[in-house]
């Protein structure tokens, strides 16, 4: 009968190999860097989604303002003021699109500048 107080050396070796593969400082650092990169990637994606919502909302506001201004112009009510509103409302989507592009570019720069944890930078 074998002694149950001793551990088979093959089991000890298997545990040590598993520990070396998963718990060495290099593996832990690489894994942490990969998780951090994923978190930054998710954050940048969320900022782009928020910018998309902003762009959509600005387009809705601009379209509504243009409709109201056009109704005032067609009704010959306060045409000068309506024309000013119409002009300003027409510039809103362009400004929002520029803002969207800036956010997208900045998000991409942040993500591209962040180490991915691949070991390559």
N, C-alpha and C. Protein backbone atom coordinates (compact mmCIF):
# COMPACT_ATOMS: atom_id res chain seq x y z
N UNK A 1 0.84 -1.17 0.00
CA UNK A 1 0.00 0.00 0.00
C UNK A 1 0.88 1.23 0.00
N UNK A 2 0.50 2.29 -0.74
CA UNK A 2 1.33 3.48 -0.83
C UNK A 2 1.07 4.41 0.34
N UNK A 3 2.05 5.25 0.60
CA UNK A 3 1.96 6.22 1.70
C UNK A 3 1.13 7.41 1.22
N UNK A 4 -0.01 7.69 1.87
CA UNK A 4 -0.90 8.77 1.42
C UNK A 4 -0.39 10.14 1.84
N UNK A 5 0.66 10.21 2.61
CA UNK A 5 1.18 11.50 3.04
C UNK A 5 2.16 12.09 2.03
N UNK A 6 2.56 11.32 1.03
CA UNK A 6 3.47 11.84 0.01
C UNK A 6 2.68 12.11 -1.27
N UNK A 7 3.10 13.13 -1.98
CA UNK A 7 2.43 13.50 -3.23
C UNK A 7 3.27 12.99 -4.39
N UNK A 8 2.57 12.46 -5.33
CA UNK A 8 3.23 11.94 -6.53
C UNK A 8 4.03 13.07 -7.17
N UNK A 9 5.31 12.88 -7.48
CA UNK A 9 6.15 13.93 -8.07
C UNK A 9 5.60 14.46 -9.40
N UNK A 10 4.89 13.64 -10.15
CA UNK A 10 4.32 14.11 -11.41
C UNK A 10 3.24 15.17 -11.16
N UNK A 11 2.48 15.01 -10.10
CA UNK A 11 1.46 16.00 -9.74
C UNK A 11 2.12 17.30 -9.31
N UNK A 12 3.18 17.19 -8.51
CA UNK A 12 3.92 18.38 -8.09
C UNK A 12 4.48 19.10 -9.30
N UNK A 13 5.04 18.34 -10.24
CA UNK A 13 5.59 18.95 -11.46
C UNK A 13 4.49 19.63 -12.28
N UNK A 14 3.33 18.99 -12.39
CA UNK A 14 2.22 19.57 -13.16
C UNK A 14 1.76 20.88 -12.52
N UNK A 15 1.68 20.92 -11.21
CA UNK A 15 1.28 22.16 -10.51
C UNK A 15 2.32 23.24 -10.74
N UNK A 16 3.59 22.89 -10.65
CA UNK A 16 4.65 23.89 -10.86
C UNK A 16 4.65 24.42 -12.29
N UNK A 17 4.40 23.56 -13.25
CA UNK A 17 4.34 24.00 -14.65
C UNK A 17 3.16 24.94 -14.84
N UNK A 18 2.00 24.60 -14.26
CA UNK A 18 0.83 25.48 -14.35
C UNK A 18 1.09 26.82 -13.70
N UNK A 19 1.74 26.82 -12.56
CA UNK A 19 2.07 28.07 -11.86
C UNK A 19 3.03 28.90 -12.71
N UNK A 20 4.01 28.28 -13.29
CA UNK A 20 4.98 29.00 -14.14
C UNK A 20 4.29 29.61 -15.35
N UNK A 21 3.29 28.91 -15.88
CA UNK A 21 2.60 29.40 -17.09
C UNK A 21 1.62 30.53 -16.78
N UNK A 22 1.15 30.62 -15.54
CA UNK A 22 0.10 31.60 -15.26
C UNK A 22 0.43 32.63 -14.19
N UNK A 23 1.39 32.39 -13.36
CA UNK A 23 1.63 33.27 -12.24
C UNK A 23 2.99 33.96 -12.22
N UNK A 24 3.73 33.87 -13.29
CA UNK A 24 5.02 34.57 -13.32
C UNK A 24 4.77 36.06 -13.49
N UNK A 25 5.66 36.90 -13.02
CA UNK A 25 5.46 38.35 -13.15
C UNK A 25 5.24 38.79 -14.60
N UNK A 26 5.96 38.19 -15.55
CA UNK A 26 5.77 38.59 -16.95
C UNK A 26 4.36 38.28 -17.44
N UNK A 27 3.85 37.10 -17.10
CA UNK A 27 2.51 36.72 -17.54
C UNK A 27 1.47 37.62 -16.88
N UNK A 28 1.63 37.88 -15.59
CA UNK A 28 0.68 38.74 -14.88
C UNK A 28 0.70 40.15 -15.46
N UNK A 29 1.88 40.67 -15.73
CA UNK A 29 2.00 42.03 -16.29
C UNK A 29 1.37 42.09 -17.69
N UNK A 30 1.65 41.09 -18.51
CA UNK A 30 1.09 41.06 -19.86
C UNK A 30 -0.44 40.94 -19.82
N UNK A 31 -0.94 40.11 -18.93
CA UNK A 31 -2.38 39.94 -18.79
C UNK A 31 -3.03 41.24 -18.30
N UNK A 32 -2.41 41.89 -17.32
CA UNK A 32 -2.94 43.16 -16.81
C UNK A 32 -2.95 44.23 -17.88
N UNK A 33 -1.90 44.28 -18.67
CA UNK A 33 -1.84 45.27 -19.75
C UNK A 33 -2.94 45.01 -20.78
N UNK A 34 -3.19 43.74 -21.08
CA UNK A 34 -4.25 43.40 -22.03
C UNK A 34 -5.62 43.80 -21.50
N UNK A 35 -5.85 43.58 -20.22
CA UNK A 35 -7.14 43.96 -19.62
C UNK A 35 -7.29 45.48 -19.59
N UNK A 36 -6.21 46.18 -19.29
CA UNK A 36 -6.27 47.64 -19.29
C UNK A 36 -6.57 48.16 -20.69
N UNK A 37 -5.95 47.56 -21.70
CA UNK A 37 -6.19 47.97 -23.09
C UNK A 37 -7.66 47.76 -23.46
N UNK A 38 -8.23 46.61 -23.05
CA UNK A 38 -9.64 46.35 -23.34
C UNK A 38 -10.54 47.38 -22.67
N UNK A 39 -10.18 47.78 -21.46
CA UNK A 39 -10.97 48.79 -20.74
C UNK A 39 -10.90 50.14 -21.46
N UNK A 40 -9.70 50.52 -21.91
CA UNK A 40 -9.56 51.78 -22.65
C UNK A 40 -10.30 51.70 -23.98
N UNK A 41 -10.23 50.55 -24.64
CA UNK A 41 -10.94 50.39 -25.91
C UNK A 41 -12.44 50.54 -25.71
N UNK A 42 -12.96 49.96 -24.64
CA UNK A 42 -14.39 50.08 -24.36
C UNK A 42 -14.75 51.54 -24.04
N UNK A 43 -13.90 52.21 -23.28
CA UNK A 43 -14.17 53.62 -22.94
C UNK A 43 -14.17 54.50 -24.17
N UNK A 44 -13.22 54.28 -25.07
CA UNK A 44 -13.18 55.10 -26.29
C UNK A 44 -14.39 54.80 -27.18
N UNK A 45 -14.80 53.55 -27.23
CA UNK A 45 -15.99 53.21 -28.01
C UNK A 45 -17.22 53.89 -27.43
N UNK A 46 -17.31 53.95 -26.10
CA UNK A 46 -18.44 54.62 -25.47
C UNK A 46 -18.43 56.12 -25.75
N UNK A 47 -17.24 56.71 -25.79
CA UNK A 47 -17.18 58.16 -26.08
C UNK A 47 -17.64 58.42 -27.52
N UNK A 48 -17.32 57.53 -28.43
CA UNK A 48 -17.77 57.69 -29.81
C UNK A 48 -19.27 57.47 -29.90
N UNK A 49 -19.80 56.52 -29.14
CA UNK A 49 -21.25 56.33 -29.11
C UNK A 49 -21.96 57.57 -28.57
N UNK A 50 -21.39 58.15 -27.51
CA UNK A 50 -21.97 59.38 -26.96
C UNK A 50 -21.93 60.51 -27.98
N UNK A 51 -20.84 60.61 -28.71
CA UNK A 51 -20.72 61.65 -29.75
C UNK A 51 -21.73 61.40 -30.87
N UNK A 52 -21.99 60.14 -31.17
CA UNK A 52 -22.99 59.80 -32.19
C UNK A 52 -24.38 60.23 -31.72
N UNK A 53 -24.68 59.97 -30.46
CA UNK A 53 -25.97 60.41 -29.90
C UNK A 53 -26.08 61.93 -29.96
N UNK A 54 -24.99 62.62 -29.61
CA UNK A 54 -24.97 64.08 -29.66
C UNK A 54 -25.26 64.57 -31.08
N UNK A 55 -24.59 63.97 -32.06
CA UNK A 55 -24.77 64.36 -33.46
C UNK A 55 -26.22 64.14 -33.89
N UNK A 56 -26.76 63.01 -33.51
CA UNK A 56 -28.16 62.71 -33.85
C UNK A 56 -29.10 63.73 -33.21
N UNK A 57 -28.86 64.05 -31.94
CA UNK A 57 -29.72 65.01 -31.24
C UNK A 57 -29.61 66.41 -31.84
N UNK A 58 -28.40 66.82 -32.19
CA UNK A 58 -28.22 68.14 -32.82
C UNK A 58 -28.94 68.18 -34.15
N UNK A 59 -28.88 67.11 -34.91
CA UNK A 59 -29.60 67.08 -36.19
C UNK A 59 -31.11 67.20 -35.98
N UNK A 60 -31.62 66.56 -34.93
CA UNK A 60 -33.05 66.66 -34.63
C UNK A 60 -33.42 68.10 -34.25
N UNK A 61 -32.59 68.70 -33.40
CA UNK A 61 -32.84 70.09 -32.98
C UNK A 61 -32.77 71.03 -34.18
N UNK A 62 -31.76 70.85 -35.02
CA UNK A 62 -31.60 71.72 -36.19
C UNK A 62 -32.78 71.56 -37.15
N UNK A 63 -33.19 70.33 -37.37
CA UNK A 63 -34.32 70.08 -38.27
C UNK A 63 -35.60 70.73 -37.73
N UNK A 64 -35.80 70.61 -36.43
CA UNK A 64 -36.98 71.23 -35.81
C UNK A 64 -36.92 72.75 -35.93
N UNK A 65 -35.75 73.32 -35.63
CA UNK A 65 -35.60 74.78 -35.72
C UNK A 65 -35.81 75.27 -37.15
N UNK A 66 -35.29 74.53 -38.10
CA UNK A 66 -35.47 74.90 -39.51
C UNK A 66 -36.95 74.86 -39.88
N UNK A 67 -37.65 73.84 -39.40
CA UNK A 67 -39.08 73.73 -39.68
C UNK A 67 -39.87 74.89 -39.10
N UNK A 68 -39.55 75.26 -37.86
CA UNK A 68 -40.24 76.38 -37.22
C UNK A 68 -39.92 77.68 -37.95
N UNK A 69 -38.65 77.88 -38.28
CA UNK A 69 -38.26 79.11 -38.99
C UNK A 69 -38.94 79.18 -40.36
N UNK A 70 -38.99 78.07 -41.05
CA UNK A 70 -39.65 78.06 -42.37
C UNK A 70 -41.14 78.37 -42.23
N UNK A 71 -41.76 77.84 -41.19
CA UNK A 71 -43.18 78.12 -40.97
C UNK A 71 -43.40 79.60 -40.72
N UNK A 72 -42.49 80.24 -39.96
CA UNK A 72 -42.60 81.68 -39.70
C UNK A 72 -42.40 82.48 -40.99
N UNK A 73 -41.44 82.05 -41.79
CA UNK A 73 -41.18 82.76 -43.06
C UNK A 73 -42.40 82.64 -43.98
N UNK A 74 -42.93 81.41 -44.10
CA UNK A 74 -44.09 81.21 -44.97
C UNK A 74 -45.32 81.97 -44.49
N UNK A 75 -45.42 82.16 -43.19
CA UNK A 75 -46.56 82.89 -42.63
C UNK A 75 -46.29 84.39 -42.57
N UNK A 76 -45.12 84.81 -43.08
CA UNK A 76 -44.70 86.22 -43.05
C UNK A 76 -44.72 86.78 -41.62
N UNK A 77 -44.29 85.96 -40.66
CA UNK A 77 -44.23 86.38 -39.27
C UNK A 77 -42.77 86.49 -38.84
N UNK A 78 -42.37 87.67 -38.47
CA UNK A 78 -41.02 87.88 -37.95
C UNK A 78 -39.97 87.23 -38.87
N UNK A 79 -40.03 87.58 -40.14
CA UNK A 79 -39.19 86.96 -41.17
C UNK A 79 -37.71 87.18 -40.89
N UNK A 80 -37.33 88.36 -40.44
CA UNK A 80 -35.92 88.63 -40.19
C UNK A 80 -35.37 87.71 -39.10
N UNK A 81 -36.11 87.58 -38.02
CA UNK A 81 -35.69 86.70 -36.93
C UNK A 81 -35.68 85.24 -37.40
N UNK A 82 -36.68 84.84 -38.14
CA UNK A 82 -36.77 83.47 -38.64
C UNK A 82 -35.61 83.15 -39.58
N UNK A 83 -35.23 84.14 -40.40
CA UNK A 83 -34.10 83.94 -41.31
C UNK A 83 -32.80 83.74 -40.54
N UNK A 84 -32.62 84.51 -39.48
CA UNK A 84 -31.43 84.35 -38.63
C UNK A 84 -31.40 82.96 -38.00
N UNK A 85 -32.54 82.53 -37.48
CA UNK A 85 -32.64 81.20 -36.87
C UNK A 85 -32.37 80.12 -37.91
N UNK A 86 -32.93 80.30 -39.10
CA UNK A 86 -32.73 79.33 -40.19
C UNK A 86 -31.25 79.20 -40.52
N UNK A 87 -30.56 80.31 -40.64
CA UNK A 87 -29.13 80.30 -40.97
C UNK A 87 -28.33 79.60 -39.86
N UNK A 88 -28.63 79.94 -38.62
CA UNK A 88 -27.90 79.33 -37.51
C UNK A 88 -28.19 77.83 -37.40
N UNK A 89 -29.43 77.47 -37.59
CA UNK A 89 -29.81 76.06 -37.49
C UNK A 89 -29.14 75.23 -38.59
N UNK A 90 -28.92 75.84 -39.74
CA UNK A 90 -28.27 75.11 -40.83
C UNK A 90 -26.79 74.85 -40.55
N UNK A 91 -26.18 75.64 -39.68
CA UNK A 91 -24.76 75.44 -39.36
C UNK A 91 -24.56 74.43 -38.23
N UNK A 92 -25.59 74.17 -37.44
CA UNK A 92 -25.47 73.25 -36.30
C UNK A 92 -24.96 71.86 -36.70
N UNK A 93 -25.53 71.20 -37.71
CA UNK A 93 -25.05 69.86 -38.05
C UNK A 93 -23.58 69.83 -38.47
N UNK A 94 -23.11 70.86 -39.16
CA UNK A 94 -21.71 70.91 -39.58
C UNK A 94 -20.80 71.03 -38.37
N UNK A 95 -21.17 71.90 -37.45
CA UNK A 95 -20.39 72.06 -36.22
C UNK A 95 -20.39 70.76 -35.42
N UNK A 96 -21.55 70.12 -35.32
CA UNK A 96 -21.65 68.85 -34.59
C UNK A 96 -20.83 67.75 -35.27
N UNK A 97 -20.82 67.74 -36.60
CA UNK A 97 -20.04 66.74 -37.33
C UNK A 97 -18.54 66.96 -37.10
N UNK A 98 -18.12 68.21 -37.04
CA UNK A 98 -16.71 68.51 -36.73
C UNK A 98 -16.37 68.03 -35.32
N UNK A 99 -17.26 68.26 -34.39
CA UNK A 99 -17.09 67.81 -33.01
C UNK A 99 -17.00 66.29 -32.97
N UNK A 100 -17.87 65.63 -33.72
CA UNK A 100 -17.85 64.16 -33.80
C UNK A 100 -16.52 63.66 -34.35
N UNK A 101 -16.05 64.28 -35.41
CA UNK A 101 -14.76 63.88 -36.00
C UNK A 101 -13.62 64.07 -35.01
N UNK A 102 -13.65 65.17 -34.26
CA UNK A 102 -12.61 65.43 -33.26
C UNK A 102 -12.62 64.36 -32.18
N UNK A 103 -13.80 64.02 -31.70
CA UNK A 103 -13.90 62.98 -30.68
C UNK A 103 -13.40 61.64 -31.22
N UNK A 104 -13.81 61.30 -32.42
CA UNK A 104 -13.36 60.04 -33.03
C UNK A 104 -11.86 59.99 -33.20
N UNK A 105 -11.28 61.07 -33.68
CA UNK A 105 -9.83 61.12 -33.87
C UNK A 105 -9.10 61.03 -32.53
N UNK A 106 -9.59 61.79 -31.55
CA UNK A 106 -8.95 61.75 -30.23
C UNK A 106 -9.08 60.38 -29.58
N UNK A 107 -10.24 59.76 -29.72
CA UNK A 107 -10.43 58.42 -29.16
C UNK A 107 -9.48 57.42 -29.82
N UNK A 108 -9.34 57.50 -31.13
CA UNK A 108 -8.42 56.61 -31.84
C UNK A 108 -6.98 56.85 -31.41
N UNK A 109 -6.62 58.11 -31.22
CA UNK A 109 -5.26 58.43 -30.77
C UNK A 109 -4.99 57.87 -29.38
N UNK A 110 -5.96 58.01 -28.50
CA UNK A 110 -5.80 57.47 -27.15
C UNK A 110 -5.62 55.96 -27.22
N UNK A 111 -6.47 55.30 -27.97
CA UNK A 111 -6.41 53.84 -28.05
C UNK A 111 -5.12 53.38 -28.72
N UNK A 112 -4.74 54.02 -29.82
CA UNK A 112 -3.52 53.62 -30.51
C UNK A 112 -2.27 53.89 -29.69
N UNK A 113 -2.33 54.87 -28.79
CA UNK A 113 -1.18 55.19 -27.95
C UNK A 113 -1.10 54.35 -26.69
N UNK A 114 -2.12 53.54 -26.45
CA UNK A 114 -2.14 52.74 -25.22
C UNK A 114 -1.53 51.37 -25.50
N UNK A 115 -0.66 50.88 -24.61
CA UNK A 115 -0.06 49.56 -24.85
C UNK A 115 -1.15 48.47 -24.82
N UNK A 116 -1.08 47.58 -25.79
CA UNK A 116 -2.14 46.57 -25.93
C UNK A 116 -1.93 45.36 -25.05
N UNK A 117 -0.74 45.18 -24.52
CA UNK A 117 -0.48 43.99 -23.73
C UNK A 117 -0.05 42.81 -24.58
N UNK A 118 0.15 43.05 -25.87
CA UNK A 118 0.57 41.96 -26.76
C UNK A 118 2.05 41.66 -26.64
N UNK A 119 2.75 42.50 -25.91
CA UNK A 119 4.19 42.31 -25.81
C UNK A 119 4.94 43.08 -26.89
N UNK A 120 4.17 43.64 -27.83
CA UNK A 120 4.77 44.38 -28.94
C UNK A 120 4.63 45.89 -28.75
N UNK A 121 4.09 46.34 -27.63
CA UNK A 121 3.95 47.78 -27.40
C UNK A 121 2.58 48.27 -27.33
